[in-house]
N, C-alpha and C. Protein backbone atom coordinates (compact mmCIF):
# COMPACT_ATOMS: atom_id res chain seq x y z
N MET A 1 -174.77 62.21 -120.70
CA MET A 1 -174.16 63.43 -120.25
C MET A 1 -172.61 63.21 -120.93
N PRO A 2 -172.13 64.56 -121.52
CA PRO A 2 -170.76 64.49 -122.22
C PRO A 2 -169.78 64.91 -121.26
N THR A 3 -168.63 64.27 -121.55
CA THR A 3 -167.62 64.65 -120.68
C THR A 3 -166.91 65.84 -120.64
N VAL A 4 -166.10 66.42 -119.75
CA VAL A 4 -165.50 67.99 -120.03
C VAL A 4 -164.82 68.14 -121.08
N GLN A 5 -164.03 67.25 -121.59
CA GLN A 5 -163.29 67.17 -122.95
C GLN A 5 -164.14 67.34 -124.01
N GLN A 6 -165.39 66.65 -124.06
CA GLN A 6 -166.29 66.78 -125.22
C GLN A 6 -166.98 68.07 -125.17
N ILE A 7 -167.37 68.63 -124.01
CA ILE A 7 -167.89 70.07 -123.85
C ILE A 7 -166.99 70.95 -124.42
N ARG A 8 -165.74 70.95 -123.87
CA ARG A 8 -164.61 71.92 -124.35
C ARG A 8 -164.47 71.80 -125.89
N ALA A 9 -164.52 70.67 -126.58
CA ALA A 9 -164.33 70.73 -127.92
C ALA A 9 -165.46 71.43 -128.61
N ILE A 10 -166.63 71.53 -128.11
CA ILE A 10 -167.82 72.07 -128.59
C ILE A 10 -167.72 73.69 -128.26
N ILE A 11 -167.40 74.03 -127.19
CA ILE A 11 -167.07 75.24 -126.47
C ILE A 11 -166.21 76.14 -127.60
N VAL A 12 -165.19 75.49 -127.91
CA VAL A 12 -163.91 76.34 -128.62
C VAL A 12 -164.39 76.54 -130.02
N GLN A 13 -165.62 75.82 -130.58
CA GLN A 13 -166.07 76.14 -131.87
C GLN A 13 -167.06 77.16 -132.05
N ILE A 14 -167.48 77.75 -130.85
CA ILE A 14 -168.69 78.54 -130.81
C ILE A 14 -168.12 80.06 -130.43
N PRO A 15 -168.32 80.89 -131.38
CA PRO A 15 -167.86 82.23 -131.29
C PRO A 15 -168.24 82.86 -130.00
N LEU A 16 -167.37 83.87 -129.30
CA LEU A 16 -167.89 84.61 -128.09
C LEU A 16 -169.17 85.42 -128.31
N GLY A 17 -170.01 85.47 -127.44
CA GLY A 17 -171.05 86.31 -127.42
C GLY A 17 -172.20 85.61 -128.19
N THR A 18 -172.23 84.44 -128.56
CA THR A 18 -173.11 83.67 -129.38
C THR A 18 -174.32 83.51 -128.43
N TYR A 19 -175.45 83.54 -128.88
CA TYR A 19 -176.67 82.90 -128.21
C TYR A 19 -177.04 81.79 -128.90
N PRO A 20 -177.96 80.90 -128.16
CA PRO A 20 -178.33 79.61 -128.71
C PRO A 20 -178.89 79.56 -130.18
N ASN A 21 -179.70 80.49 -130.52
CA ASN A 21 -180.09 80.53 -131.95
C ASN A 21 -179.44 81.15 -133.06
N GLU A 22 -178.09 81.57 -132.76
CA GLU A 22 -177.13 82.18 -133.67
C GLU A 22 -176.19 81.32 -134.18
N HIS A 23 -175.95 79.96 -133.78
CA HIS A 23 -175.08 79.13 -134.16
C HIS A 23 -175.48 77.73 -134.08
N PRO A 24 -175.05 76.88 -135.16
CA PRO A 24 -175.30 75.59 -135.09
C PRO A 24 -175.15 74.63 -133.83
N HIS A 25 -174.20 75.13 -133.19
CA HIS A 25 -173.97 74.57 -131.87
C HIS A 25 -174.48 75.15 -130.57
N GLY A 26 -175.15 76.21 -130.97
CA GLY A 26 -175.83 76.99 -129.88
C GLY A 26 -176.78 76.34 -129.04
N ARG A 27 -177.51 75.53 -129.44
CA ARG A 27 -178.52 74.72 -128.76
C ARG A 27 -177.80 73.89 -127.74
N THR A 28 -176.54 73.58 -128.00
CA THR A 28 -175.74 72.70 -127.10
C THR A 28 -175.57 73.56 -125.84
N LEU A 29 -175.47 74.89 -125.89
CA LEU A 29 -175.29 75.64 -124.61
C LEU A 29 -176.35 75.52 -123.84
N LEU A 30 -177.61 75.52 -124.25
CA LEU A 30 -178.72 75.02 -123.37
C LEU A 30 -178.84 73.73 -122.69
N ASP A 31 -178.19 72.68 -123.49
CA ASP A 31 -178.17 71.42 -123.13
C ASP A 31 -177.18 71.32 -122.00
N ILE A 32 -176.02 72.12 -122.07
CA ILE A 32 -174.96 72.00 -121.17
C ILE A 32 -175.61 72.49 -119.80
N ILE A 33 -176.32 73.51 -119.81
CA ILE A 33 -176.99 74.05 -118.74
C ILE A 33 -177.89 73.12 -118.03
N GLN A 34 -178.42 72.47 -118.86
CA GLN A 34 -179.66 71.61 -118.18
C GLN A 34 -178.88 70.19 -117.58
N ASP A 35 -177.57 70.03 -117.89
CA ASP A 35 -176.75 68.96 -117.09
C ASP A 35 -175.88 69.44 -116.09
N HIS A 36 -176.04 70.87 -115.73
CA HIS A 36 -175.27 71.51 -114.67
C HIS A 36 -175.86 71.13 -113.29
N PRO A 37 -175.18 70.85 -112.31
CA PRO A 37 -175.89 70.38 -110.99
C PRO A 37 -176.44 71.42 -110.30
N VAL A 38 -176.13 72.81 -110.63
CA VAL A 38 -176.77 73.97 -109.89
C VAL A 38 -177.97 74.36 -110.72
N TRP A 39 -177.71 74.57 -111.95
CA TRP A 39 -178.58 75.24 -112.85
C TRP A 39 -179.65 74.33 -113.50
N CYS A 40 -179.58 73.04 -113.44
CA CYS A 40 -180.56 72.14 -114.08
C CYS A 40 -181.99 72.37 -113.49
N THR A 41 -182.31 72.74 -112.43
CA THR A 41 -183.44 72.92 -111.78
C THR A 41 -184.06 74.44 -112.03
N ARG A 42 -183.52 75.37 -112.66
CA ARG A 42 -183.91 76.46 -112.85
C ARG A 42 -184.33 76.63 -114.37
N LYS A 43 -185.30 77.46 -114.65
CA LYS A 43 -186.00 77.65 -115.91
C LYS A 43 -184.85 78.68 -116.60
N ILE A 44 -184.03 78.18 -117.51
CA ILE A 44 -183.12 79.33 -118.28
C ILE A 44 -183.35 79.03 -119.70
N THR A 45 -183.77 80.19 -120.46
CA THR A 45 -183.96 80.39 -121.75
C THR A 45 -182.91 81.10 -122.57
N ARG A 46 -182.09 81.86 -121.87
CA ARG A 46 -181.13 82.61 -122.59
C ARG A 46 -179.68 82.22 -121.86
N VAL A 47 -178.87 81.81 -123.00
CA VAL A 47 -177.33 81.43 -122.47
C VAL A 47 -176.67 81.95 -123.66
N ARG A 48 -175.44 82.53 -123.22
CA ARG A 48 -174.41 82.99 -124.38
C ARG A 48 -172.90 82.66 -123.74
N LEU A 49 -172.22 82.65 -124.70
CA LEU A 49 -170.75 82.25 -124.23
C LEU A 49 -169.93 83.65 -124.19
N GLY A 50 -169.23 83.60 -123.13
CA GLY A 50 -168.65 84.91 -122.88
C GLY A 50 -167.22 84.38 -122.20
N VAL A 51 -166.52 85.61 -121.83
CA VAL A 51 -165.11 85.09 -121.08
C VAL A 51 -165.21 85.72 -119.56
N GLY A 52 -164.29 85.23 -118.90
CA GLY A 52 -164.31 85.54 -117.48
C GLY A 52 -163.74 86.96 -117.27
N THR A 53 -163.73 87.52 -116.13
CA THR A 53 -163.49 88.90 -115.91
C THR A 53 -161.88 89.08 -115.87
N ASN A 54 -161.18 88.10 -115.37
CA ASN A 54 -159.69 88.48 -114.96
C ASN A 54 -158.98 87.70 -116.07
N ASN A 55 -159.33 86.67 -116.94
CA ASN A 55 -158.65 85.96 -117.85
C ASN A 55 -159.39 85.92 -119.24
N SER A 56 -158.99 86.85 -120.12
CA SER A 56 -159.69 86.90 -121.34
C SER A 56 -159.80 85.73 -122.24
N ARG A 57 -158.96 84.56 -121.78
CA ARG A 57 -158.84 83.40 -122.64
C ARG A 57 -159.85 82.21 -121.95
N ALA A 58 -160.38 82.52 -120.79
CA ALA A 58 -161.30 81.55 -120.15
C ALA A 58 -162.81 81.82 -120.73
N ARG A 59 -163.20 80.63 -121.24
CA ARG A 59 -164.52 80.85 -121.87
C ARG A 59 -165.47 80.30 -120.68
N LEU A 60 -166.61 81.16 -120.53
CA LEU A 60 -167.53 80.85 -119.55
C LEU A 60 -168.94 81.04 -120.07
N LEU A 61 -169.89 80.16 -119.63
CA LEU A 61 -171.11 80.42 -119.96
C LEU A 61 -171.89 81.54 -119.25
N ARG A 62 -172.55 82.47 -119.81
CA ARG A 62 -173.38 83.67 -119.26
C ARG A 62 -174.88 83.26 -119.43
N VAL A 63 -175.58 83.04 -118.16
CA VAL A 63 -177.00 82.60 -118.01
C VAL A 63 -177.75 83.76 -117.71
N HIS A 64 -178.85 83.92 -118.37
CA HIS A 64 -179.61 85.14 -118.03
C HIS A 64 -180.64 84.57 -116.91
N HIS A 65 -180.64 85.00 -115.76
CA HIS A 65 -181.30 84.67 -114.58
C HIS A 65 -181.89 85.83 -113.68
N ARG A 66 -183.09 85.82 -113.45
CA ARG A 66 -183.75 87.10 -112.75
C ARG A 66 -183.23 88.50 -113.13
N GLY A 67 -183.07 88.46 -114.46
CA GLY A 67 -182.91 90.12 -114.97
C GLY A 67 -181.45 90.42 -115.09
N ARG A 68 -180.62 89.42 -114.75
CA ARG A 68 -179.18 89.79 -115.06
C ARG A 68 -178.31 88.53 -115.44
N TRP A 69 -177.24 88.77 -116.20
CA TRP A 69 -176.23 87.70 -116.75
C TRP A 69 -175.33 87.32 -115.59
N VAL A 70 -175.43 85.95 -115.33
CA VAL A 70 -174.54 85.21 -114.31
C VAL A 70 -173.48 84.43 -115.08
N LEU A 71 -172.27 84.46 -114.63
CA LEU A 71 -171.22 83.55 -115.05
C LEU A 71 -171.25 82.18 -114.66
N VAL A 72 -171.26 81.19 -115.41
CA VAL A 72 -171.29 79.79 -114.92
C VAL A 72 -170.21 78.91 -115.47
N SER A 73 -169.72 78.12 -114.81
CA SER A 73 -168.67 77.30 -115.30
C SER A 73 -169.10 75.92 -116.09
N TRP A 74 -168.79 75.96 -117.11
CA TRP A 74 -169.32 74.92 -117.99
C TRP A 74 -168.92 73.45 -117.63
N ARG A 75 -167.74 73.61 -117.09
CA ARG A 75 -166.98 72.37 -116.56
C ARG A 75 -167.67 71.41 -115.63
N ARG A 76 -168.50 72.24 -114.71
CA ARG A 76 -169.23 71.49 -113.83
C ARG A 76 -170.36 70.51 -114.30
N ALA A 77 -170.62 70.89 -115.63
CA ALA A 77 -171.76 70.00 -116.36
C ALA A 77 -171.16 68.80 -117.01
N GLY A 78 -169.90 68.69 -117.05
CA GLY A 78 -169.28 67.40 -117.59
C GLY A 78 -169.38 66.12 -116.66
N SER A 79 -169.57 65.04 -117.28
CA SER A 79 -169.95 63.74 -116.51
C SER A 79 -168.47 63.43 -115.60
N ASN A 80 -167.33 63.90 -116.24
CA ASN A 80 -166.21 63.52 -115.26
C ASN A 80 -165.69 64.53 -114.53
N PHE A 81 -166.45 65.53 -114.36
CA PHE A 81 -166.05 66.66 -113.49
C PHE A 81 -165.81 66.37 -112.12
N ARG A 82 -164.84 66.55 -111.33
CA ARG A 82 -164.46 66.26 -109.96
C ARG A 82 -164.28 67.58 -109.27
N GLU A 83 -165.15 67.47 -108.09
CA GLU A 83 -164.88 68.62 -107.23
C GLU A 83 -163.48 68.65 -106.62
N PRO A 84 -162.80 70.02 -106.49
CA PRO A 84 -161.50 69.83 -105.90
C PRO A 84 -161.73 69.36 -104.37
N PRO A 85 -160.54 68.70 -103.93
CA PRO A 85 -160.64 68.13 -102.47
C PRO A 85 -160.69 69.34 -101.69
N SER A 86 -161.56 69.11 -100.57
CA SER A 86 -161.97 70.36 -99.80
C SER A 86 -160.94 71.09 -99.04
N LEU A 87 -160.14 70.34 -98.37
CA LEU A 87 -159.14 71.11 -97.54
C LEU A 87 -158.17 71.83 -98.25
N PRO A 88 -157.55 71.30 -99.33
CA PRO A 88 -156.57 72.03 -99.96
C PRO A 88 -157.33 73.34 -100.70
N SER A 89 -158.52 73.06 -101.07
CA SER A 89 -159.26 74.26 -101.87
C SER A 89 -159.48 75.25 -100.70
N ALA A 90 -159.95 74.92 -99.58
CA ALA A 90 -160.20 75.92 -98.45
C ALA A 90 -158.86 76.61 -98.07
N LEU A 91 -157.65 75.98 -98.08
CA LEU A 91 -156.30 76.48 -97.86
C LEU A 91 -156.09 77.39 -98.94
N ARG A 92 -156.30 77.13 -100.14
CA ARG A 92 -156.03 78.07 -101.13
C ARG A 92 -156.78 79.34 -101.22
N SER A 93 -158.05 79.08 -100.71
CA SER A 93 -158.88 80.20 -100.90
C SER A 93 -158.69 81.21 -99.67
N ALA A 94 -158.02 80.68 -98.50
CA ALA A 94 -157.88 81.41 -97.48
C ALA A 94 -156.58 82.61 -97.70
N VAL A 95 -155.81 82.06 -98.50
CA VAL A 95 -154.73 82.93 -98.91
C VAL A 95 -154.89 83.51 -100.28
N ARG A 96 -155.93 83.43 -100.81
CA ARG A 96 -156.18 84.15 -102.24
C ARG A 96 -156.01 85.56 -102.10
N LEU A 97 -156.33 86.39 -101.05
CA LEU A 97 -156.16 87.70 -101.14
C LEU A 97 -154.48 88.14 -100.97
N GLN A 98 -153.85 87.24 -100.48
CA GLN A 98 -152.28 87.50 -100.19
C GLN A 98 -151.85 87.16 -101.52
N ILE A 99 -152.36 86.35 -102.35
CA ILE A 99 -151.86 85.99 -103.73
C ILE A 99 -151.99 86.98 -104.65
N MET A 100 -153.31 87.68 -104.56
CA MET A 100 -153.64 88.66 -105.29
C MET A 100 -153.09 89.98 -105.16
N ALA A 101 -152.54 90.09 -103.85
CA ALA A 101 -151.75 91.42 -103.51
C ALA A 101 -150.46 91.20 -103.99
N TRP A 102 -149.78 90.04 -103.78
CA TRP A 102 -148.44 89.78 -104.52
C TRP A 102 -148.55 90.13 -106.11
N ARG A 103 -149.50 89.58 -106.70
CA ARG A 103 -149.64 89.65 -108.04
C ARG A 103 -149.68 91.07 -108.44
N LYS A 104 -150.52 91.94 -107.78
CA LYS A 104 -150.59 93.40 -108.00
C LYS A 104 -149.36 94.09 -107.59
N ARG A 105 -148.62 93.80 -106.64
CA ARG A 105 -147.31 94.51 -106.32
C ARG A 105 -146.15 93.98 -107.51
N ASN A 106 -146.41 92.78 -108.15
CA ASN A 106 -145.27 92.45 -108.72
C ASN A 106 -145.70 92.50 -110.41
N ARG A 107 -146.77 93.16 -110.60
CA ARG A 107 -147.31 93.06 -112.26
C ARG A 107 -146.33 93.72 -113.07
N LEU A 108 -145.44 94.70 -112.73
CA LEU A 108 -144.69 95.27 -113.63
C LEU A 108 -143.46 94.52 -113.81
N ASN A 109 -143.11 93.66 -113.11
CA ASN A 109 -141.90 92.81 -112.91
C ASN A 109 -142.17 91.51 -113.27
N SER A 110 -143.09 91.29 -114.31
CA SER A 110 -143.79 89.97 -114.63
C SER A 110 -143.04 89.23 -115.79
N ALA A 111 -142.55 88.27 -115.58
CA ALA A 111 -141.95 87.27 -116.59
C ALA A 111 -141.71 86.03 -115.82
N CYS A 112 -141.71 85.00 -116.67
CA CYS A 112 -141.59 83.46 -116.12
C CYS A 112 -140.07 83.50 -115.53
N CYS A 113 -140.04 82.97 -114.37
CA CYS A 113 -138.74 82.84 -113.50
C CYS A 113 -137.83 81.77 -114.30
N LEU A 114 -138.38 80.88 -115.01
CA LEU A 114 -137.68 79.66 -115.48
C LEU A 114 -137.39 80.12 -117.00
N CYS A 115 -138.17 80.61 -117.81
CA CYS A 115 -137.72 80.71 -119.13
C CYS A 115 -137.92 82.11 -119.69
N GLY A 116 -138.45 83.11 -118.76
CA GLY A 116 -138.65 84.42 -119.28
C GLY A 116 -139.64 84.85 -120.01
N ALA A 117 -140.62 83.93 -120.36
CA ALA A 117 -141.78 84.32 -121.33
C ALA A 117 -142.56 85.36 -120.41
N ALA A 118 -143.36 86.19 -121.31
CA ALA A 118 -143.97 87.29 -120.72
C ALA A 118 -145.53 86.94 -120.37
N GLY A 119 -146.06 85.72 -120.90
CA GLY A 119 -147.56 85.70 -120.39
C GLY A 119 -147.90 84.56 -121.22
N PRO A 120 -149.25 84.18 -120.74
CA PRO A 120 -149.81 84.32 -119.63
C PRO A 120 -149.04 84.01 -118.32
N LEU A 121 -149.23 84.41 -117.18
CA LEU A 121 -148.28 83.95 -116.08
C LEU A 121 -149.26 83.54 -114.91
N HIS A 122 -148.71 82.57 -114.05
CA HIS A 122 -149.22 81.91 -113.02
C HIS A 122 -148.46 82.33 -111.77
N VAL A 123 -148.97 82.55 -110.73
CA VAL A 123 -148.44 82.73 -109.48
C VAL A 123 -148.07 81.41 -108.94
N ASP A 124 -146.67 81.08 -108.69
CA ASP A 124 -146.27 79.90 -108.22
C ASP A 124 -145.63 79.69 -106.77
N HIS A 125 -145.91 78.71 -105.85
CA HIS A 125 -145.27 78.85 -104.72
C HIS A 125 -143.82 78.22 -104.81
N SER A 126 -142.70 78.60 -104.64
CA SER A 126 -141.49 78.06 -104.89
C SER A 126 -140.99 77.86 -103.41
N GLN A 127 -140.13 77.03 -103.32
CA GLN A 127 -139.47 76.33 -102.00
C GLN A 127 -139.86 77.21 -100.88
N PRO A 128 -140.87 76.84 -99.97
CA PRO A 128 -141.41 75.57 -100.15
C PRO A 128 -142.60 75.69 -101.09
N THR A 129 -143.05 74.50 -101.66
CA THR A 129 -144.08 74.46 -102.57
C THR A 129 -145.36 74.40 -101.65
N PHE A 130 -146.38 74.77 -102.29
CA PHE A 130 -147.85 75.00 -101.63
C PHE A 130 -148.13 73.81 -100.75
N LEU A 131 -148.04 72.55 -101.40
CA LEU A 131 -148.11 71.33 -100.77
C LEU A 131 -147.26 71.01 -99.71
N ALA A 132 -145.79 71.29 -99.71
CA ALA A 132 -144.93 71.16 -98.51
C ALA A 132 -145.52 72.01 -97.44
N MET A 133 -145.75 73.51 -97.78
CA MET A 133 -146.04 74.31 -96.85
C MET A 133 -147.32 74.05 -96.07
N SER A 134 -148.38 73.57 -96.83
CA SER A 134 -149.65 73.08 -96.03
C SER A 134 -149.26 71.91 -95.30
N SER A 135 -148.48 71.05 -95.69
CA SER A 135 -148.43 69.79 -94.98
C SER A 135 -147.66 70.08 -93.67
N SER A 136 -146.70 70.96 -93.70
CA SER A 136 -145.88 71.38 -92.45
C SER A 136 -146.90 72.08 -91.48
N PHE A 137 -147.73 72.96 -92.04
CA PHE A 137 -148.63 73.74 -90.99
C PHE A 137 -149.62 72.66 -90.51
N LEU A 138 -150.06 71.79 -91.15
CA LEU A 138 -151.04 70.81 -90.76
C LEU A 138 -150.32 69.67 -89.94
N HIS A 139 -149.22 69.63 -89.96
CA HIS A 139 -148.55 68.53 -89.08
C HIS A 139 -148.91 68.65 -87.57
N THR A 140 -148.98 69.70 -87.18
CA THR A 140 -149.22 69.95 -85.67
C THR A 140 -150.66 70.41 -85.36
N ARG A 141 -151.56 70.44 -86.32
CA ARG A 141 -152.77 70.89 -86.25
C ARG A 141 -154.02 70.00 -86.53
N THR A 142 -155.12 70.12 -86.02
CA THR A 142 -156.25 69.45 -86.53
C THR A 142 -157.02 70.20 -87.38
N ALA A 143 -157.01 69.77 -88.71
CA ALA A 143 -157.88 70.57 -89.68
C ALA A 143 -159.17 70.36 -89.55
N PRO A 144 -160.18 71.49 -89.91
CA PRO A 144 -161.66 71.15 -90.00
C PRO A 144 -161.93 70.13 -91.03
N GLU A 145 -163.02 69.59 -90.95
CA GLU A 145 -163.50 68.63 -91.84
C GLU A 145 -164.74 68.92 -92.67
N GLU A 146 -165.34 70.11 -92.35
CA GLU A 146 -166.51 70.61 -93.01
C GLU A 146 -166.29 72.02 -93.46
N PHE A 147 -166.61 72.19 -94.79
CA PHE A 147 -166.22 73.54 -95.44
C PHE A 147 -167.52 74.01 -96.20
N LEU A 148 -167.39 75.35 -96.54
CA LEU A 148 -168.55 76.05 -97.24
C LEU A 148 -168.07 76.01 -98.65
N SER A 149 -169.08 76.07 -99.53
CA SER A 149 -168.81 76.34 -100.92
C SER A 149 -168.84 77.68 -101.45
N HIS A 150 -167.96 78.19 -102.33
CA HIS A 150 -168.01 79.45 -102.87
C HIS A 150 -167.43 79.52 -104.44
N ARG A 151 -167.44 80.51 -104.92
CA ARG A 151 -167.10 80.54 -106.50
C ARG A 151 -165.61 80.12 -106.81
N TRP A 152 -164.81 80.08 -105.72
CA TRP A 152 -163.33 79.60 -106.00
C TRP A 152 -163.19 78.15 -105.53
N GLY A 153 -164.22 77.52 -105.07
CA GLY A 153 -164.00 76.19 -104.45
C GLY A 153 -164.73 76.15 -103.11
N LYS A 154 -163.89 75.74 -102.04
CA LYS A 154 -164.49 75.65 -100.72
C LYS A 154 -163.50 76.78 -99.95
N LYS A 155 -164.33 76.99 -98.64
CA LYS A 155 -163.73 77.98 -97.76
C LYS A 155 -164.04 77.50 -96.37
N PHE A 156 -163.42 77.95 -95.47
CA PHE A 156 -163.38 77.64 -94.00
C PHE A 156 -164.87 78.29 -93.67
N LYS A 157 -165.48 77.55 -92.53
CA LYS A 157 -166.78 78.01 -92.00
C LYS A 157 -166.28 79.05 -90.86
N PRO A 158 -167.29 80.03 -90.46
CA PRO A 158 -166.87 81.06 -89.57
C PRO A 158 -166.39 80.43 -88.29
N ILE A 159 -166.92 79.21 -87.88
CA ILE A 159 -166.44 78.61 -86.64
C ILE A 159 -164.97 78.38 -86.54
N ASP A 160 -164.34 78.26 -87.87
CA ASP A 160 -162.89 77.77 -87.98
C ASP A 160 -162.04 79.01 -88.31
N ARG A 161 -162.61 80.20 -87.94
CA ARG A 161 -161.90 81.60 -88.26
C ARG A 161 -160.47 81.53 -87.67
N ASN A 162 -160.22 81.10 -86.39
CA ASN A 162 -158.95 81.00 -85.77
C ASN A 162 -157.93 80.13 -86.55
N PHE A 163 -158.48 79.19 -87.11
CA PHE A 163 -157.53 78.17 -87.95
C PHE A 163 -157.24 78.71 -89.18
N SER A 164 -158.10 79.36 -89.70
CA SER A 164 -158.02 80.23 -91.14
C SER A 164 -156.97 81.26 -90.75
N ILE A 165 -157.18 82.08 -89.78
CA ILE A 165 -156.21 83.27 -89.40
C ILE A 165 -154.72 82.57 -89.32
N ALA A 166 -154.61 81.57 -88.45
CA ALA A 166 -153.36 80.78 -88.24
C ALA A 166 -152.67 80.57 -89.50
N TRP A 167 -153.39 79.97 -90.54
CA TRP A 167 -152.95 79.45 -91.80
C TRP A 167 -152.33 80.74 -92.61
N GLN A 168 -153.21 81.89 -92.47
CA GLN A 168 -152.95 82.88 -93.35
C GLN A 168 -151.59 83.60 -92.90
N ALA A 169 -151.30 83.63 -91.28
CA ALA A 169 -150.09 84.06 -90.77
C ALA A 169 -149.02 83.21 -91.36
N TYR A 170 -149.24 81.89 -91.20
CA TYR A 170 -148.05 80.86 -91.50
C TYR A 170 -147.84 81.04 -93.11
N HIS A 171 -148.71 81.15 -93.94
CA HIS A 171 -148.49 81.43 -95.29
C HIS A 171 -147.75 82.74 -95.48
N ARG A 172 -148.18 83.84 -94.77
CA ARG A 172 -147.55 85.08 -94.91
C ARG A 172 -145.90 85.05 -94.66
N ARG A 173 -145.60 84.22 -93.49
CA ARG A 173 -144.23 84.17 -93.11
C ARG A 173 -143.44 83.23 -94.17
N HIS A 174 -144.01 82.19 -94.57
CA HIS A 174 -143.29 81.20 -95.23
C HIS A 174 -143.37 81.17 -96.80
N ALA A 175 -144.42 81.64 -97.48
CA ALA A 175 -144.52 81.66 -98.83
C ALA A 175 -143.58 82.42 -99.53
N ASN A 176 -142.93 81.73 -100.60
CA ASN A 176 -141.91 82.38 -101.56
C ASN A 176 -142.58 82.37 -102.89
N LEU A 177 -143.21 83.35 -103.37
CA LEU A 177 -143.91 83.21 -104.67
C LEU A 177 -143.06 83.78 -105.81
N ARG A 178 -143.50 83.30 -106.91
CA ARG A 178 -142.89 83.73 -108.27
C ARG A 178 -143.80 83.56 -109.35
N TRP A 179 -143.28 84.08 -110.54
CA TRP A 179 -144.00 84.06 -111.69
C TRP A 179 -143.65 82.88 -112.59
N LEU A 180 -144.60 81.98 -113.03
CA LEU A 180 -144.29 81.07 -113.99
C LEU A 180 -145.20 81.02 -115.13
N CYS A 181 -144.73 80.72 -116.31
CA CYS A 181 -145.49 80.68 -117.53
C CYS A 181 -146.44 79.46 -117.50
N SER A 182 -147.43 79.36 -118.33
CA SER A 182 -148.31 77.95 -118.29
C SER A 182 -147.58 76.81 -118.56
N THR A 183 -146.51 76.86 -119.56
CA THR A 183 -145.78 75.92 -119.86
C THR A 183 -144.90 75.12 -118.62
N CYS A 184 -144.20 76.22 -118.11
CA CYS A 184 -143.29 75.61 -117.09
C CYS A 184 -144.13 75.29 -115.90
N ASN A 185 -145.30 75.89 -115.58
CA ASN A 185 -146.07 75.76 -114.33
C ASN A 185 -146.51 74.20 -114.61
N LEU A 186 -146.90 73.86 -115.90
CA LEU A 186 -147.49 72.41 -116.01
C LEU A 186 -146.32 71.47 -115.92
N ARG A 187 -145.13 71.88 -116.43
CA ARG A 187 -144.04 71.04 -116.36
C ARG A 187 -143.56 70.71 -114.97
N ARG A 188 -143.84 71.55 -114.09
CA ARG A 188 -143.42 71.13 -112.69
C ARG A 188 -144.17 70.20 -112.08
N GLY A 189 -145.46 69.89 -112.74
CA GLY A 189 -146.38 68.86 -112.09
C GLY A 189 -147.32 69.28 -111.33
N SER A 190 -148.49 68.67 -111.33
CA SER A 190 -149.68 69.26 -110.59
C SER A 190 -149.55 68.94 -109.02
N SER A 191 -148.64 68.33 -108.48
CA SER A 191 -148.52 68.33 -107.05
C SER A 191 -147.64 69.46 -106.50
N GLN A 192 -147.16 69.99 -107.36
CA GLN A 192 -146.31 71.28 -106.94
C GLN A 192 -146.89 72.52 -107.40
N ALA A 193 -147.37 72.71 -108.68
CA ALA A 193 -147.94 73.83 -109.24
C ALA A 193 -149.09 74.48 -108.41
N GLU A 194 -148.91 75.79 -108.72
CA GLU A 194 -150.07 76.58 -108.02
C GLU A 194 -151.49 76.63 -108.72
């Protein structure tokens, strides 16, 4: 099974919209799907390379299944793919709508706060960082230990609704969001970056 880096090296060579029979590396698209933990058990004959809905630079596999095209992450098929830690992923998912709303309200005023670059931009938690804010919130609470999976990672179970609502309210009160370009976001370090 290839690593995520090996798959990425192949994916970037394949033109968007390519079907397996249209490119020398096209057969690799079917091979990648056969190594995918979710799609390996399903009979897939049509795969093409496309882009995500909200990020034109993100390359995703589109799998034809039950009469419709479904977006699939090729990263999950890599031998060194690691699931995101469950609790941080669920905390991020719980406030995803707040971040999307901030993004929408501030889209006209969008430039990196550190270098002034115009894009592509990421929403970043600035003082307090997401890690500091979530640690402070969790300091006096017992966090759930089991989560549900969904397309953005993990999310809280319905039984943990009160915990999720409390976290959303805490985030709404304490989050200080700003725009950062990819370079500045990566420069801050993965422990602080959004």
